[in-house]
Amino acid sequence: MLFRPPVLLKKIYPSFIWRFPSDGESFFLTFDDGPTPDVTPWVLDRLDEYGAKATFFCLGKNVDMYPDIYQEVLRRGHSVGNHTYSHQKGWGMPATDYVIDIDTAADLIDSNLFRPPYFRITRLQERLVSEKYKNVMWSILARDYNRSLSSRQCAKNVIPHIGSGEIAVMHDSVKCFERVESALPWILDEVYKKNLKCKSIIL
């Protein structure tokens, strides 16, 4: 199962940030595909309970529909990133159209961080995007989007790999919430058992 990025991808896309250097205390929890009514506020409340900060890679169309939730993410001290406007898969899409979709989201999302949906991005798209944004990927994947997995399995995809500098990705979407609802508290418990702090990504 793919819960760690293949080494080959790191070689193909060396400009992407897959993890950060260890500082002995910082762990980076990220959420894709929001903001989403009910789900994102629930995630924010759980993070508050642990004094945790995260990074939310938002879809521009969702920020368009739910600007108050987006502002709440910022108000609570979290950072945000661009996840395209309409959750575009870059493969098979002209590079200029892909960048336009990202820039449309950027009108709503004030951030220099970007994460490509599905990690479907061509080398040309990568080069164009890198001219404007910092491409932040992940070193741990919960796979909470997979409906065949239990919450416990999603948590187990993350917990053994929690460490300083690691970047974990989950989703604040309706599709994933059934698994996130139980997995996130387990993951946060483990972060603090290891004397780490969940921090926002700021570049």
N, C-alpha and C. Protein backbone atom coordinates (compact mmCIF):
# COMPACT_ATOMS: atom_id res chain seq x y z
N MET A 1 0.84 -1.20 0.00
CA MET A 1 0.00 0.00 0.00
C MET A 1 0.88 1.25 0.00
N LEU A 2 0.42 2.25 -0.73
CA LEU A 2 1.20 3.48 -0.85
C LEU A 2 0.85 4.43 0.29
N PHE A 3 1.67 4.42 1.35
CA PHE A 3 1.50 5.42 2.38
C PHE A 3 2.79 6.19 2.61
N ARG A 4 3.86 5.84 1.85
CA ARG A 4 5.09 6.60 1.81
C ARG A 4 5.41 6.86 0.33
N PRO A 5 5.92 8.04 -0.03
CA PRO A 5 6.18 8.33 -1.45
C PRO A 5 7.32 7.48 -1.99
N PRO A 6 7.15 6.90 -3.18
CA PRO A 6 8.23 6.13 -3.78
C PRO A 6 9.48 6.99 -3.99
N VAL A 7 10.64 6.40 -3.81
CA VAL A 7 11.90 7.12 -3.97
C VAL A 7 12.02 7.68 -5.38
N LEU A 8 11.50 6.96 -6.37
CA LEU A 8 11.59 7.40 -7.76
C LEU A 8 10.91 8.75 -7.97
N LEU A 9 9.77 8.96 -7.31
CA LEU A 9 9.07 10.24 -7.46
C LEU A 9 9.93 11.40 -6.96
N LYS A 10 10.64 11.17 -5.89
CA LYS A 10 11.50 12.22 -5.34
C LYS A 10 12.60 12.59 -6.32
N LYS A 11 13.06 11.60 -7.09
CA LYS A 11 14.10 11.86 -8.07
C LYS A 11 13.54 12.56 -9.30
N ILE A 12 12.32 12.20 -9.68
CA ILE A 12 11.70 12.81 -10.86
C ILE A 12 11.30 14.26 -10.59
N TYR A 13 10.87 14.53 -9.36
CA TYR A 13 10.42 15.87 -8.99
C TYR A 13 11.26 16.41 -7.83
N PRO A 14 12.52 16.70 -8.08
CA PRO A 14 13.41 17.13 -7.00
C PRO A 14 13.06 18.50 -6.42
N SER A 15 12.31 19.32 -7.17
CA SER A 15 11.97 20.65 -6.65
C SER A 15 10.85 20.58 -5.61
N PHE A 16 10.16 19.44 -5.55
CA PHE A 16 9.07 19.31 -4.60
C PHE A 16 9.61 19.09 -3.18
N ILE A 17 8.89 19.62 -2.22
CA ILE A 17 9.24 19.44 -0.81
C ILE A 17 8.50 18.21 -0.30
N TRP A 18 9.25 17.16 0.05
CA TRP A 18 8.64 15.90 0.50
C TRP A 18 8.66 15.78 2.02
N ARG A 19 9.59 16.42 2.66
CA ARG A 19 9.67 16.50 4.11
C ARG A 19 10.61 17.65 4.46
N PHE A 20 10.68 17.98 5.74
CA PHE A 20 11.56 19.04 6.19
C PHE A 20 12.69 18.46 7.03
N PRO A 21 13.80 19.17 7.13
CA PRO A 21 14.88 18.69 8.01
C PRO A 21 14.38 18.56 9.44
N SER A 22 14.86 17.56 10.13
CA SER A 22 14.45 17.35 11.51
C SER A 22 14.99 18.45 12.41
N ASP A 23 14.11 19.00 13.25
CA ASP A 23 14.55 19.95 14.28
C ASP A 23 14.30 19.39 15.67
N GLY A 24 13.87 18.12 15.71
CA GLY A 24 13.64 17.46 16.98
C GLY A 24 12.27 17.67 17.59
N GLU A 25 11.44 18.53 16.97
CA GLU A 25 10.14 18.78 17.60
C GLU A 25 8.98 19.01 16.64
N SER A 26 9.23 19.35 15.38
CA SER A 26 8.15 19.78 14.49
C SER A 26 7.62 18.66 13.60
N PHE A 27 6.31 18.46 13.65
CA PHE A 27 5.59 17.52 12.79
C PHE A 27 4.56 18.33 12.03
N PHE A 28 4.36 18.01 10.74
CA PHE A 28 3.50 18.83 9.90
C PHE A 28 2.30 18.03 9.41
N LEU A 29 1.14 18.38 9.95
CA LEU A 29 -0.11 17.74 9.59
C LEU A 29 -0.81 18.63 8.57
N THR A 30 -1.23 18.05 7.44
CA THR A 30 -1.87 18.84 6.40
C THR A 30 -3.21 18.21 6.01
N PHE A 31 -4.10 19.05 5.51
CA PHE A 31 -5.43 18.61 5.10
C PHE A 31 -5.73 19.14 3.70
N ASP A 32 -6.19 18.26 2.82
CA ASP A 32 -6.53 18.64 1.45
C ASP A 32 -8.03 18.66 1.23
N ASP A 33 -8.46 19.45 0.24
CA ASP A 33 -9.80 19.41 -0.37
C ASP A 33 -10.87 20.25 0.32
N GLY A 34 -10.56 20.94 1.40
CA GLY A 34 -11.56 21.79 2.06
C GLY A 34 -11.56 23.18 1.45
N PRO A 35 -12.19 24.12 2.13
CA PRO A 35 -12.97 23.94 3.36
C PRO A 35 -14.33 23.31 3.08
N THR A 36 -14.80 22.55 4.06
CA THR A 36 -16.05 21.81 3.92
C THR A 36 -16.92 22.05 5.16
N PRO A 37 -18.19 22.42 4.98
CA PRO A 37 -19.07 22.63 6.14
C PRO A 37 -19.09 21.40 7.04
N ASP A 38 -19.15 21.63 8.32
CA ASP A 38 -19.16 20.59 9.36
C ASP A 38 -17.81 19.90 9.51
N VAL A 39 -17.21 19.45 8.41
CA VAL A 39 -15.96 18.69 8.52
C VAL A 39 -14.80 19.58 8.93
N THR A 40 -14.56 20.67 8.21
CA THR A 40 -13.44 21.55 8.54
C THR A 40 -13.59 22.14 9.95
N PRO A 41 -14.76 22.64 10.33
CA PRO A 41 -14.90 23.13 11.71
C PRO A 41 -14.63 22.05 12.76
N TRP A 42 -15.04 20.81 12.48
CA TRP A 42 -14.76 19.71 13.41
C TRP A 42 -13.26 19.51 13.52
N VAL A 43 -12.54 19.49 12.40
CA VAL A 43 -11.09 19.33 12.42
C VAL A 43 -10.44 20.47 13.20
N LEU A 44 -10.90 21.68 12.97
CA LEU A 44 -10.34 22.83 13.69
C LEU A 44 -10.52 22.69 15.20
N ASP A 45 -11.68 22.20 15.61
CA ASP A 45 -11.93 22.00 17.05
C ASP A 45 -11.00 20.95 17.64
N ARG A 46 -10.77 19.86 16.89
CA ARG A 46 -9.87 18.81 17.40
C ARG A 46 -8.44 19.34 17.49
N LEU A 47 -8.02 20.09 16.52
CA LEU A 47 -6.67 20.67 16.56
C LEU A 47 -6.53 21.61 17.75
N ASP A 48 -7.57 22.40 18.01
CA ASP A 48 -7.53 23.31 19.16
C ASP A 48 -7.37 22.55 20.47
N GLU A 49 -8.02 21.41 20.57
CA GLU A 49 -7.95 20.62 21.80
C GLU A 49 -6.52 20.19 22.12
N TYR A 50 -5.71 20.02 21.09
CA TYR A 50 -4.33 19.58 21.26
C TYR A 50 -3.32 20.73 21.13
N GLY A 51 -3.82 21.92 20.92
CA GLY A 51 -2.91 23.05 20.69
C GLY A 51 -2.10 22.86 19.42
N ALA A 52 -2.69 22.18 18.44
CA ALA A 52 -1.99 21.83 17.21
C ALA A 52 -2.29 22.83 16.10
N LYS A 53 -1.29 23.08 15.27
CA LYS A 53 -1.48 23.89 14.07
C LYS A 53 -1.27 22.99 12.86
N ALA A 54 -1.97 23.31 11.77
CA ALA A 54 -1.90 22.50 10.56
C ALA A 54 -1.86 23.41 9.34
N THR A 55 -1.77 22.79 8.18
CA THR A 55 -1.80 23.50 6.91
C THR A 55 -2.93 22.93 6.07
N PHE A 56 -3.81 23.78 5.59
CA PHE A 56 -4.98 23.36 4.82
C PHE A 56 -4.78 23.73 3.36
N PHE A 57 -4.64 22.71 2.51
CA PHE A 57 -4.52 22.94 1.07
C PHE A 57 -5.94 22.97 0.49
N CYS A 58 -6.40 24.18 0.23
CA CYS A 58 -7.81 24.42 -0.08
C CYS A 58 -8.09 24.42 -1.58
N LEU A 59 -9.29 24.00 -1.93
CA LEU A 59 -9.79 24.13 -3.28
C LEU A 59 -10.42 25.51 -3.44
N GLY A 60 -10.05 26.20 -4.51
CA GLY A 60 -10.60 27.53 -4.72
C GLY A 60 -12.12 27.55 -4.79
N LYS A 61 -12.71 26.53 -5.42
CA LYS A 61 -14.18 26.51 -5.54
C LYS A 61 -14.83 26.39 -4.17
N ASN A 62 -14.19 25.69 -3.24
CA ASN A 62 -14.76 25.57 -1.90
C ASN A 62 -14.59 26.86 -1.11
N VAL A 63 -13.46 27.53 -1.29
CA VAL A 63 -13.29 28.84 -0.65
C VAL A 63 -14.32 29.82 -1.18
N ASP A 64 -14.59 29.71 -2.47
CA ASP A 64 -15.62 30.55 -3.11
C ASP A 64 -16.97 30.34 -2.45
N MET A 65 -17.31 29.08 -2.16
CA MET A 65 -18.62 28.75 -1.59
C MET A 65 -18.68 28.97 -0.09
N TYR A 66 -17.53 28.77 0.60
CA TYR A 66 -17.54 28.83 2.06
C TYR A 66 -16.44 29.76 2.58
N PRO A 67 -16.50 31.02 2.21
CA PRO A 67 -15.44 31.95 2.62
C PRO A 67 -15.33 32.12 4.14
N ASP A 68 -16.44 31.98 4.84
CA ASP A 68 -16.40 32.14 6.30
C ASP A 68 -15.59 31.02 6.95
N ILE A 69 -15.69 29.80 6.42
CA ILE A 69 -14.92 28.69 6.98
C ILE A 69 -13.43 28.88 6.68
N TYR A 70 -13.15 29.34 5.48
CA TYR A 70 -11.75 29.64 5.11
C TYR A 70 -11.17 30.69 6.06
N GLN A 71 -11.92 31.72 6.32
CA GLN A 71 -11.44 32.76 7.23
C GLN A 71 -11.27 32.23 8.65
N GLU A 72 -12.11 31.27 9.03
CA GLU A 72 -11.99 30.67 10.36
C GLU A 72 -10.69 29.87 10.48
N VAL A 73 -10.31 29.19 9.41
CA VAL A 73 -9.03 28.47 9.40
C VAL A 73 -7.89 29.44 9.70
N LEU A 74 -7.91 30.59 9.03
CA LEU A 74 -6.86 31.60 9.24
C LEU A 74 -6.96 32.21 10.63
N ARG A 75 -8.18 32.47 11.08
CA ARG A 75 -8.37 33.12 12.38
C ARG A 75 -7.81 32.25 13.50
N ARG A 76 -7.88 30.94 13.34
CA ARG A 76 -7.38 30.05 14.39
C ARG A 76 -5.88 29.78 14.28
N GLY A 77 -5.23 30.48 13.37
CA GLY A 77 -3.77 30.44 13.33
C GLY A 77 -3.14 29.37 12.47
N HIS A 78 -3.90 28.79 11.55
CA HIS A 78 -3.36 27.77 10.66
C HIS A 78 -2.92 28.42 9.35
N SER A 79 -2.06 27.72 8.62
CA SER A 79 -1.65 28.21 7.31
C SER A 79 -2.48 27.52 6.23
N VAL A 80 -2.47 28.10 5.04
CA VAL A 80 -3.25 27.56 3.92
C VAL A 80 -2.36 27.42 2.70
N GLY A 81 -2.80 26.56 1.78
CA GLY A 81 -2.11 26.37 0.52
C GLY A 81 -3.12 26.21 -0.60
N ASN A 82 -2.65 26.30 -1.81
CA ASN A 82 -3.46 26.22 -3.02
C ASN A 82 -3.50 24.77 -3.50
N HIS A 83 -4.72 24.27 -3.78
CA HIS A 83 -4.90 22.89 -4.25
C HIS A 83 -5.65 22.88 -5.58
N THR A 84 -5.47 23.93 -6.36
CA THR A 84 -6.17 24.26 -7.60
C THR A 84 -7.57 24.80 -7.28
N TYR A 85 -8.21 25.35 -8.28
CA TYR A 85 -9.58 25.85 -8.09
C TYR A 85 -10.58 24.70 -8.11
N SER A 86 -10.43 23.80 -9.08
CA SER A 86 -11.48 22.79 -9.30
C SER A 86 -10.96 21.35 -9.22
N HIS A 87 -9.91 21.12 -8.41
CA HIS A 87 -9.38 19.78 -8.16
C HIS A 87 -8.95 19.12 -9.46
N GLN A 88 -8.16 19.82 -10.22
CA GLN A 88 -7.75 19.36 -11.54
C GLN A 88 -6.68 18.27 -11.48
N LYS A 89 -6.85 17.29 -12.35
CA LYS A 89 -5.80 16.30 -12.61
C LYS A 89 -4.96 16.85 -13.75
N GLY A 90 -3.69 17.08 -13.51
CA GLY A 90 -2.86 17.70 -14.51
C GLY A 90 -2.62 16.85 -15.75
N TRP A 91 -2.58 15.53 -15.59
CA TRP A 91 -2.30 14.67 -16.73
C TRP A 91 -3.36 14.86 -17.82
N GLY A 92 -2.92 15.02 -19.05
CA GLY A 92 -3.85 15.16 -20.17
C GLY A 92 -4.44 16.55 -20.30
N MET A 93 -3.98 17.48 -19.49
CA MET A 93 -4.50 18.84 -19.50
C MET A 93 -3.39 19.79 -19.96
N PRO A 94 -3.67 20.71 -20.88
CA PRO A 94 -2.63 21.66 -21.28
C PRO A 94 -2.04 22.39 -20.08
N ALA A 95 -0.73 22.55 -20.08
CA ALA A 95 -0.06 23.16 -18.94
C ALA A 95 -0.58 24.56 -18.64
N THR A 96 -0.86 25.33 -19.70
CA THR A 96 -1.35 26.70 -19.47
C THR A 96 -2.72 26.69 -18.79
N ASP A 97 -3.59 25.75 -19.17
CA ASP A 97 -4.91 25.65 -18.54
C ASP A 97 -4.78 25.26 -17.08
N TYR A 98 -3.83 24.37 -16.80
CA TYR A 98 -3.61 23.93 -15.43
C TYR A 98 -3.16 25.11 -14.56
N VAL A 99 -2.24 25.89 -15.06
CA VAL A 99 -1.74 27.04 -14.31
C VAL A 99 -2.84 28.08 -14.13
N ILE A 100 -3.67 28.27 -15.15
CA ILE A 100 -4.79 29.22 -15.03
C ILE A 100 -5.73 28.81 -13.90
N ASP A 101 -6.00 27.50 -13.79
CA ASP A 101 -6.88 27.01 -12.73
C ASP A 101 -6.26 27.28 -11.36
N ILE A 102 -4.95 27.10 -11.24
CA ILE A 102 -4.25 27.38 -9.98
C ILE A 102 -4.29 28.87 -9.67
N ASP A 103 -4.03 29.69 -10.68
CA ASP A 103 -4.03 31.14 -10.48
C ASP A 103 -5.42 31.66 -10.13
N THR A 104 -6.46 31.00 -10.66
CA THR A 104 -7.83 31.38 -10.29
C THR A 104 -8.06 31.12 -8.80
N ALA A 105 -7.54 29.99 -8.32
CA ALA A 105 -7.64 29.70 -6.89
C ALA A 105 -6.84 30.71 -6.08
N ALA A 106 -5.70 31.15 -6.63
CA ALA A 106 -4.84 32.09 -5.91
C ALA A 106 -5.50 33.44 -5.67
N ASP A 107 -6.51 33.77 -6.48
CA ASP A 107 -7.26 35.01 -6.24
C ASP A 107 -8.04 34.94 -4.93
N LEU A 108 -8.27 33.71 -4.45
CA LEU A 108 -9.06 33.50 -3.23
C LEU A 108 -8.21 33.00 -2.06
N ILE A 109 -7.09 32.35 -2.38
CA ILE A 109 -6.24 31.72 -1.37
C ILE A 109 -4.91 32.45 -1.33
N ASP A 110 -4.67 33.16 -0.26
CA ASP A 110 -3.45 33.96 -0.14
C ASP A 110 -2.31 33.08 0.37
N SER A 111 -1.58 32.45 -0.55
CA SER A 111 -0.52 31.53 -0.16
C SER A 111 0.43 31.30 -1.32
N ASN A 112 1.69 31.06 -0.99
CA ASN A 112 2.67 30.65 -2.00
C ASN A 112 2.90 29.14 -1.99
N LEU A 113 2.07 28.41 -1.24
CA LEU A 113 2.18 26.95 -1.16
C LEU A 113 1.22 26.31 -2.15
N PHE A 114 1.65 25.23 -2.78
CA PHE A 114 0.80 24.51 -3.73
C PHE A 114 0.99 23.01 -3.57
N ARG A 115 -0.10 22.27 -3.71
CA ARG A 115 -0.05 20.81 -3.75
C ARG A 115 -0.95 20.32 -4.87
N PRO A 116 -0.41 19.54 -5.83
CA PRO A 116 -1.22 19.07 -6.96
C PRO A 116 -2.18 17.96 -6.55
N PRO A 117 -3.46 18.08 -6.89
CA PRO A 117 -4.41 17.00 -6.61
C PRO A 117 -3.97 15.69 -7.27
N TYR A 118 -4.14 14.61 -6.54
CA TYR A 118 -3.84 13.25 -7.02
C TYR A 118 -2.35 13.05 -7.36
N PHE A 119 -1.53 14.07 -7.17
CA PHE A 119 -0.15 14.08 -7.65
C PHE A 119 -0.07 13.78 -9.14
N ARG A 120 -1.06 14.24 -9.87
CA ARG A 120 -1.05 14.06 -11.33
C ARG A 120 -0.65 15.39 -11.96
N ILE A 121 0.65 15.54 -12.14
CA ILE A 121 1.21 16.77 -12.66
C ILE A 121 2.38 16.41 -13.58
N THR A 122 2.43 17.05 -14.75
CA THR A 122 3.50 16.76 -15.70
C THR A 122 4.75 17.56 -15.36
N ARG A 123 5.86 17.21 -15.98
CA ARG A 123 7.09 17.94 -15.73
C ARG A 123 6.98 19.38 -16.19
N LEU A 124 6.31 19.63 -17.32
CA LEU A 124 6.13 21.01 -17.79
C LEU A 124 5.27 21.79 -16.82
N GLN A 125 4.18 21.19 -16.37
CA GLN A 125 3.33 21.86 -15.38
C GLN A 125 4.12 22.17 -14.12
N GLU A 126 4.93 21.22 -13.69
CA GLU A 126 5.75 21.43 -12.50
C GLU A 126 6.65 22.65 -12.68
N ARG A 127 7.31 22.74 -13.83
CA ARG A 127 8.23 23.86 -14.05
C ARG A 127 7.49 25.20 -14.02
N LEU A 128 6.31 25.24 -14.65
CA LEU A 128 5.55 26.49 -14.68
C LEU A 128 5.03 26.86 -13.29
N VAL A 129 4.53 25.87 -12.58
CA VAL A 129 4.01 26.12 -11.23
C VAL A 129 5.12 26.58 -10.30
N SER A 130 6.29 25.98 -10.45
CA SER A 130 7.42 26.30 -9.56
C SER A 130 7.91 27.73 -9.72
N GLU A 131 7.55 28.39 -10.80
CA GLU A 131 7.93 29.79 -10.99
C GLU A 131 7.20 30.70 -10.01
N LYS A 132 6.04 30.25 -9.52
CA LYS A 132 5.21 31.09 -8.66
C LYS A 132 5.00 30.52 -7.26
N TYR A 133 5.09 29.20 -7.13
CA TYR A 133 4.67 28.56 -5.88
C TYR A 133 5.73 27.58 -5.36
N LYS A 134 5.65 27.31 -4.06
CA LYS A 134 6.44 26.26 -3.43
C LYS A 134 5.60 24.99 -3.43
N ASN A 135 6.09 23.95 -4.08
CA ASN A 135 5.35 22.70 -4.21
C ASN A 135 5.58 21.82 -2.99
N VAL A 136 4.57 21.66 -2.17
CA VAL A 136 4.68 20.90 -0.93
C VAL A 136 3.95 19.57 -1.08
N MET A 137 4.69 18.50 -0.96
CA MET A 137 4.10 17.17 -1.07
C MET A 137 3.93 16.56 0.31
N TRP A 138 4.27 15.31 0.49
CA TRP A 138 4.04 14.64 1.76
C TRP A 138 5.01 13.48 1.91
N SER A 139 5.27 13.12 3.14
CA SER A 139 6.08 11.93 3.41
C SER A 139 5.25 10.82 4.04
N ILE A 140 4.01 11.13 4.45
CA ILE A 140 3.12 10.13 5.05
C ILE A 140 1.71 10.35 4.51
N LEU A 141 1.10 9.30 4.02
CA LEU A 141 -0.24 9.38 3.44
C LEU A 141 -1.19 8.50 4.25
N ALA A 142 -2.21 9.12 4.84
CA ALA A 142 -3.17 8.35 5.64
C ALA A 142 -4.05 7.45 4.79
N ARG A 143 -4.27 7.82 3.55
CA ARG A 143 -5.16 7.09 2.63
C ARG A 143 -6.59 7.08 3.16
N ASP A 144 -6.99 8.17 3.80
CA ASP A 144 -8.34 8.27 4.34
C ASP A 144 -9.41 8.40 3.26
N TYR A 145 -9.00 8.61 2.02
CA TYR A 145 -9.92 8.67 0.89
C TYR A 145 -10.39 7.29 0.45
N ASN A 146 -9.74 6.25 0.94
CA ASN A 146 -10.05 4.87 0.54
C ASN A 146 -11.15 4.31 1.43
N ARG A 147 -12.33 4.17 0.88
CA ARG A 147 -13.49 3.71 1.67
C ARG A 147 -13.36 2.27 2.14
N SER A 148 -12.45 1.52 1.57
CA SER A 148 -12.29 0.13 1.99
C SER A 148 -11.42 0.01 3.24
N LEU A 149 -10.81 1.11 3.67
CA LEU A 149 -9.97 1.09 4.86
C LEU A 149 -10.77 1.54 6.09
N SER A 150 -10.41 1.01 7.22
CA SER A 150 -11.02 1.44 8.47
C SER A 150 -10.29 2.67 9.00
N SER A 151 -10.90 3.34 9.95
CA SER A 151 -10.25 4.48 10.61
C SER A 151 -8.95 4.04 11.26
N ARG A 152 -8.99 2.87 11.88
CA ARG A 152 -7.79 2.36 12.56
C ARG A 152 -6.66 2.14 11.57
N GLN A 153 -6.97 1.59 10.39
CA GLN A 153 -5.93 1.36 9.40
C GLN A 153 -5.35 2.68 8.89
N CYS A 154 -6.21 3.69 8.70
CA CYS A 154 -5.72 5.00 8.27
C CYS A 154 -4.76 5.58 9.32
N ALA A 155 -5.12 5.41 10.59
CA ALA A 155 -4.24 5.89 11.66
C ALA A 155 -2.92 5.12 11.65
N LYS A 156 -3.01 3.82 11.42
CA LYS A 156 -1.80 2.99 11.40
C LYS A 156 -0.90 3.31 10.21
N ASN A 157 -1.48 3.85 9.15
CA ASN A 157 -0.66 4.28 8.02
C ASN A 157 0.23 5.47 8.39
N VAL A 158 -0.20 6.21 9.43
CA VAL A 158 0.52 7.43 9.82
C VAL A 158 1.40 7.20 11.05
N ILE A 159 0.84 6.60 12.08
CA ILE A 159 1.48 6.58 13.40
C ILE A 159 2.90 6.02 13.42
N PRO A 160 3.21 4.91 12.75
CA PRO A 160 4.59 4.40 12.84
C PRO A 160 5.63 5.34 12.23
N HIS A 161 5.18 6.28 11.40
CA HIS A 161 6.11 7.14 10.67
C HIS A 161 6.17 8.56 11.22
N ILE A 162 5.43 8.83 12.27
CA ILE A 162 5.44 10.17 12.86
C ILE A 162 6.83 10.50 13.38
N GLY A 163 7.35 11.64 12.97
CA GLY A 163 8.67 12.07 13.42
C GLY A 163 8.92 13.50 13.03
N SER A 164 9.96 14.07 13.55
CA SER A 164 10.28 15.46 13.26
C SER A 164 10.58 15.65 11.77
N GLY A 165 9.96 16.65 11.18
CA GLY A 165 10.16 16.97 9.78
C GLY A 165 9.22 16.27 8.82
N GLU A 166 8.49 15.27 9.31
CA GLU A 166 7.59 14.52 8.43
C GLU A 166 6.34 15.35 8.11
N ILE A 167 5.80 15.15 6.91
CA ILE A 167 4.59 15.83 6.45
C ILE A 167 3.53 14.78 6.19
N ALA A 168 2.44 14.82 6.94
CA ALA A 168 1.35 13.86 6.77
C ALA A 168 0.17 14.54 6.09
N VAL A 169 -0.52 13.80 5.24
CA VAL A 169 -1.69 14.38 4.56
C VAL A 169 -2.95 13.57 4.90
N MET A 170 -3.99 14.34 5.27
CA MET A 170 -5.33 13.83 5.46
C MET A 170 -6.27 14.73 4.65
N HIS A 171 -7.57 14.52 4.79
CA HIS A 171 -8.53 15.29 3.99
C HIS A 171 -9.68 15.78 4.85
N ASP A 172 -10.01 17.06 4.73
CA ASP A 172 -11.18 17.59 5.44
C ASP A 172 -12.35 17.67 4.45
N SER A 173 -12.76 16.49 3.98
CA SER A 173 -13.86 16.37 3.01
C SER A 173 -14.92 15.42 3.54
N VAL A 174 -16.11 15.53 2.99
CA VAL A 174 -17.21 14.64 3.38
C VAL A 174 -16.85 13.19 3.09
N LYS A 175 -16.23 12.95 1.94
CA LYS A 175 -15.86 11.60 1.53
C LYS A 175 -14.98 10.90 2.56
N CYS A 176 -14.11 11.65 3.20
CA CYS A 176 -13.12 11.06 4.10
C CYS A 176 -13.50 11.12 5.57
N PHE A 177 -14.53 11.88 5.89
CA PHE A 177 -14.79 12.19 7.30
C PHE A 177 -15.05 10.96 8.16
N GLU A 178 -15.69 9.95 7.60
CA GLU A 178 -15.99 8.74 8.38
C GLU A 178 -14.72 8.13 8.97
N ARG A 179 -13.61 8.23 8.24
CA ARG A 179 -12.34 7.69 8.72
C ARG A 179 -11.55 8.72 9.52
N VAL A 180 -11.59 9.96 9.10
CA VAL A 180 -10.86 11.03 9.79
C VAL A 180 -11.37 11.23 11.21
N GLU A 181 -12.67 11.07 11.41
CA GLU A 181 -13.29 11.35 12.70
C GLU A 181 -12.65 10.56 13.84
N SER A 182 -12.29 9.31 13.59
CA SER A 182 -11.62 8.51 14.62
C SER A 182 -10.11 8.56 14.50
N ALA A 183 -9.60 8.60 13.25
CA ALA A 183 -8.16 8.51 13.04
C ALA A 183 -7.42 9.75 13.53
N LEU A 184 -7.99 10.93 13.34
CA LEU A 184 -7.27 12.15 13.71
C LEU A 184 -6.95 12.21 15.20
N PRO A 185 -7.88 11.95 16.12
CA PRO A 185 -7.51 11.97 17.54
C PRO A 185 -6.42 10.96 17.89
N TRP A 186 -6.46 9.77 17.29
CA TRP A 186 -5.41 8.78 17.55
C TRP A 186 -4.06 9.31 17.11
N ILE A 187 -4.03 9.94 15.94
CA ILE A 187 -2.78 10.48 15.41
C ILE A 187 -2.26 11.61 16.29
N LEU A 188 -3.15 12.52 16.69
CA LEU A 188 -2.74 13.63 17.54
C LEU A 188 -2.23 13.13 18.90
N ASP A 189 -2.89 12.12 19.44
CA ASP A 189 -2.40 11.53 20.70
C ASP A 189 -0.95 11.05 20.54
N GLU A 190 -0.68 10.39 19.44
CA GLU A 190 0.65 9.82 19.23
C GLU A 190 1.70 10.91 19.01
N VAL A 191 1.32 11.97 18.33
CA VAL A 191 2.25 13.09 18.11
C VAL A 191 2.75 13.61 19.45
N TYR A 192 1.82 13.79 20.38
CA TYR A 192 2.20 14.37 21.66
C TYR A 192 2.85 13.36 22.60
N LYS A 193 2.57 12.07 22.41
CA LYS A 193 3.31 11.05 23.16
C LYS A 193 4.79 11.08 22.78
N LYS A 194 5.06 11.47 21.54
CA LYS A 194 6.44 11.53 21.07
C LYS A 194 7.08 12.90 21.33
N ASN A 195 6.38 13.73 22.09
CA ASN A 195 6.91 15.06 22.44
C ASN A 195 7.18 15.93 21.22
N LEU A 196 6.32 15.78 20.22
CA LEU A 196 6.41 16.60 19.03
C LEU A 196 5.30 17.65 19.05
N LYS A 197 5.45 18.66 18.18
CA LYS A 197 4.45 19.70 18.06
C LYS A 197 3.97 19.76 16.62
N CYS A 198 2.65 19.81 16.45
CA CYS A 198 2.09 19.99 15.10
C CYS A 198 2.20 21.47 14.75
N LYS A 199 2.88 21.74 13.65
CA LYS A 199 3.10 23.13 13.25
C LYS A 199 2.60 23.37 11.83
N SER A 200 2.28 24.61 11.54
CA SER A 200 1.89 25.01 10.19
C SER A 200 3.13 25.13 9.31
N ILE A 201 2.93 24.95 8.02
CA ILE A 201 4.00 25.13 7.06
C ILE A 201 4.01 26.58 6.59
N ILE A 202 5.11 27.25 6.78
CA ILE A 202 5.27 28.63 6.35
C ILE A 202 6.61 28.74 5.62
N LEU A 203 6.56 29.09 4.34
CA LEU A 203 7.79 29.19 3.54
C LEU A 203 7.90 30.56 2.89
